[in-house]
């Protein structure tokens, strides 16, 4: 029976690297405070209308981050 057992640990190689999306230039301070901050993925930030509506309804303030060069 042991002859039929095959060790697949070398054949199966798992890529353990984690690739995170690039962060956006915008950050959102949630519910009018400065303790909760959310930074969306690049290209996933809301447009002007949605940023303004979030501010009016929930107090979420969107701020464009400065780029470090």
N, C-alpha and C. Protein backbone atom coordinates (compact mmCIF):
# COMPACT_ATOMS: atom_id res chain seq x y z
N UNK A 1 0.81 -1.19 0.00
CA UNK A 1 0.00 0.00 0.00
C UNK A 1 0.85 1.26 0.00
N UNK A 2 1.97 1.28 0.66
CA UNK A 2 2.81 2.47 0.71
C UNK A 2 3.42 2.79 -0.64
N UNK A 3 3.54 1.79 -1.53
CA UNK A 3 4.10 2.06 -2.85
C UNK A 3 3.17 2.92 -3.68
N UNK A 4 1.87 2.86 -3.43
CA UNK A 4 0.91 3.63 -4.21
C UNK A 4 0.82 5.09 -3.75
N UNK A 5 1.34 5.38 -2.56
CA UNK A 5 1.29 6.74 -2.04
C UNK A 5 2.34 7.60 -2.74
N UNK A 6 1.90 8.73 -3.25
CA UNK A 6 2.81 9.65 -3.92
C UNK A 6 2.82 10.97 -3.16
N UNK A 7 4.00 11.49 -2.94
CA UNK A 7 4.14 12.76 -2.24
C UNK A 7 4.06 13.89 -3.27
N UNK A 8 2.98 14.68 -3.18
CA UNK A 8 2.77 15.78 -4.13
C UNK A 8 3.26 17.12 -3.59
N UNK A 9 3.91 17.14 -2.46
CA UNK A 9 4.30 18.41 -1.86
C UNK A 9 5.28 19.18 -2.75
N UNK A 10 6.13 18.50 -3.49
CA UNK A 10 7.05 19.19 -4.39
C UNK A 10 6.37 19.58 -5.70
N UNK A 11 5.39 18.81 -6.11
CA UNK A 11 4.72 19.08 -7.38
C UNK A 11 3.78 20.29 -7.27
N UNK A 12 3.19 20.47 -6.11
CA UNK A 12 2.26 21.57 -5.91
C UNK A 12 3.02 22.72 -5.28
N UNK A 13 3.16 23.81 -6.02
CA UNK A 13 3.85 24.98 -5.50
C UNK A 13 2.84 26.10 -5.38
N UNK A 14 2.69 26.60 -4.19
CA UNK A 14 1.72 27.65 -3.92
C UNK A 14 2.44 28.98 -3.90
N UNK A 15 1.90 29.93 -4.67
CA UNK A 15 2.45 31.28 -4.67
C UNK A 15 1.92 32.01 -3.45
N UNK A 16 2.80 32.27 -2.49
CA UNK A 16 2.38 32.88 -1.24
C UNK A 16 2.54 34.39 -1.24
N UNK A 17 2.86 34.97 -2.37
CA UNK A 17 3.01 36.43 -2.40
C UNK A 17 1.64 37.09 -2.51
N UNK A 18 1.49 38.19 -1.83
CA UNK A 18 0.24 38.92 -1.79
C UNK A 18 0.42 40.21 -2.59
N UNK A 19 -0.42 40.39 -3.60
CA UNK A 19 -0.33 41.58 -4.44
C UNK A 19 -1.49 42.50 -4.11
N UNK A 20 -1.18 43.60 -3.44
CA UNK A 20 -2.19 44.56 -3.06
C UNK A 20 -2.40 45.58 -4.17
N UNK A 21 -3.63 46.07 -4.34
CA UNK A 21 -3.86 47.09 -5.36
C UNK A 21 -3.21 48.41 -4.97
N UNK A 22 -2.90 49.21 -5.96
CA UNK A 22 -2.27 50.50 -5.72
C UNK A 22 -3.29 51.44 -5.06
N UNK A 23 -2.91 52.14 -3.98
CA UNK A 23 -3.86 53.04 -3.32
C UNK A 23 -4.14 54.28 -4.15
N UNK A 24 -5.30 54.86 -3.94
CA UNK A 24 -5.74 56.05 -4.65
C UNK A 24 -5.06 57.29 -4.08
N UNK A 25 -5.18 58.39 -4.81
CA UNK A 25 -4.70 59.68 -4.31
C UNK A 25 -5.71 60.32 -3.37
N UNK A 26 -6.88 59.72 -3.22
CA UNK A 26 -7.95 60.26 -2.38
C UNK A 26 -8.06 59.45 -1.10
N UNK A 27 -8.40 60.13 0.01
CA UNK A 27 -8.71 59.44 1.25
C UNK A 27 -10.00 60.03 1.80
N UNK A 28 -10.78 59.21 2.48
CA UNK A 28 -12.08 59.60 2.99
C UNK A 28 -12.08 59.50 4.50
N UNK A 29 -12.39 60.61 5.17
CA UNK A 29 -12.56 60.63 6.62
C UNK A 29 -14.03 60.37 6.88
N UNK A 30 -14.32 59.22 7.48
CA UNK A 30 -15.69 58.75 7.62
C UNK A 30 -16.43 59.41 8.77
N UNK A 31 -17.68 59.76 8.53
CA UNK A 31 -18.63 60.26 9.51
C UNK A 31 -18.15 61.52 10.23
N UNK A 32 -17.48 62.39 9.50
CA UNK A 32 -17.11 63.70 10.02
C UNK A 32 -15.97 63.70 11.02
N UNK A 33 -15.32 62.61 11.21
CA UNK A 33 -14.23 62.55 12.19
C UNK A 33 -12.88 62.36 11.53
N UNK A 34 -11.88 62.23 12.35
CA UNK A 34 -10.54 61.96 11.81
C UNK A 34 -9.98 60.64 12.32
N UNK A 35 -10.81 59.83 12.99
CA UNK A 35 -10.34 58.54 13.50
C UNK A 35 -10.51 57.42 12.48
N UNK A 36 -11.58 57.46 11.70
CA UNK A 36 -11.80 56.43 10.67
C UNK A 36 -11.44 57.01 9.32
N UNK A 37 -10.49 56.35 8.64
CA UNK A 37 -10.05 56.81 7.33
C UNK A 37 -10.07 55.64 6.37
N UNK A 38 -10.53 55.89 5.16
CA UNK A 38 -10.59 54.86 4.13
C UNK A 38 -9.90 55.38 2.89
N UNK A 39 -9.01 54.55 2.31
CA UNK A 39 -8.32 54.89 1.07
C UNK A 39 -8.70 53.82 0.05
N UNK A 40 -9.45 54.20 -1.00
CA UNK A 40 -9.87 53.21 -2.00
C UNK A 40 -8.71 52.84 -2.94
N UNK A 41 -8.93 51.84 -3.77
CA UNK A 41 -7.96 51.46 -4.79
C UNK A 41 -7.92 52.53 -5.87
N UNK A 42 -6.79 52.61 -6.56
CA UNK A 42 -6.64 53.60 -7.62
C UNK A 42 -7.66 53.32 -8.72
N UNK A 43 -8.39 54.37 -9.11
CA UNK A 43 -9.41 54.25 -10.14
C UNK A 43 -10.78 53.88 -9.59
N UNK A 44 -10.90 53.60 -8.30
CA UNK A 44 -12.17 53.21 -7.70
C UNK A 44 -12.77 54.32 -6.83
N UNK A 45 -12.16 55.51 -6.83
CA UNK A 45 -12.69 56.60 -6.01
C UNK A 45 -13.93 57.20 -6.68
N UNK A 46 -14.86 57.72 -5.88
CA UNK A 46 -16.08 58.28 -6.45
C UNK A 46 -15.83 59.63 -7.13
N UNK A 47 -16.75 60.00 -8.02
CA UNK A 47 -16.62 61.28 -8.71
C UNK A 47 -17.09 62.42 -7.81
N UNK A 48 -17.06 63.63 -8.34
CA UNK A 48 -17.38 64.82 -7.56
C UNK A 48 -18.77 64.75 -6.93
N UNK A 49 -19.76 64.33 -7.70
CA UNK A 49 -21.13 64.27 -7.21
C UNK A 49 -21.26 63.35 -6.00
N UNK A 50 -20.70 62.15 -6.08
CA UNK A 50 -20.82 61.20 -4.98
C UNK A 50 -20.04 61.64 -3.76
N UNK A 51 -18.89 62.28 -3.98
CA UNK A 51 -18.14 62.81 -2.84
C UNK A 51 -18.94 63.89 -2.13
N UNK A 52 -19.59 64.79 -2.89
CA UNK A 52 -20.40 65.86 -2.30
C UNK A 52 -21.62 65.29 -1.57
N UNK A 53 -22.28 64.29 -2.16
CA UNK A 53 -23.45 63.70 -1.53
C UNK A 53 -23.07 62.96 -0.24
N UNK A 54 -21.95 62.26 -0.23
CA UNK A 54 -21.49 61.60 0.99
C UNK A 54 -21.21 62.62 2.09
N UNK A 55 -20.68 63.78 1.70
CA UNK A 55 -20.42 64.82 2.69
C UNK A 55 -21.73 65.38 3.24
N UNK A 56 -22.69 65.65 2.36
CA UNK A 56 -23.96 66.23 2.81
C UNK A 56 -24.79 65.26 3.65
N UNK A 57 -24.80 63.99 3.29
CA UNK A 57 -25.64 63.02 3.99
C UNK A 57 -24.99 62.40 5.22
N UNK A 58 -23.70 62.09 5.13
CA UNK A 58 -23.04 61.33 6.19
C UNK A 58 -21.90 62.08 6.87
N UNK A 59 -21.47 63.19 6.30
CA UNK A 59 -20.34 63.91 6.86
C UNK A 59 -18.99 63.36 6.44
N UNK A 60 -18.98 62.47 5.43
CA UNK A 60 -17.71 61.92 4.94
C UNK A 60 -16.97 62.99 4.14
N UNK A 61 -15.75 63.29 4.54
CA UNK A 61 -14.99 64.31 3.86
C UNK A 61 -13.86 63.67 3.05
N UNK A 62 -13.85 63.95 1.75
CA UNK A 62 -12.84 63.43 0.85
C UNK A 62 -11.74 64.46 0.68
N UNK A 63 -10.49 64.01 0.82
CA UNK A 63 -9.33 64.89 0.71
C UNK A 63 -8.34 64.25 -0.25
N UNK A 64 -7.83 65.06 -1.17
CA UNK A 64 -6.81 64.55 -2.10
C UNK A 64 -5.45 64.58 -1.39
N UNK A 65 -4.79 63.43 -1.37
CA UNK A 65 -3.49 63.32 -0.70
C UNK A 65 -2.41 63.94 -1.58
N UNK A 66 -1.40 64.49 -0.93
CA UNK A 66 -0.25 65.03 -1.66
C UNK A 66 0.69 63.89 -2.00
N UNK A 67 1.24 63.96 -3.20
CA UNK A 67 2.19 62.93 -3.62
C UNK A 67 3.56 63.28 -3.09
N UNK A 68 4.24 62.26 -2.56
CA UNK A 68 5.62 62.44 -2.10
C UNK A 68 6.56 62.12 -3.23
N UNK A 69 7.35 63.08 -3.63
CA UNK A 69 8.31 62.84 -4.72
C UNK A 69 9.70 62.79 -4.23
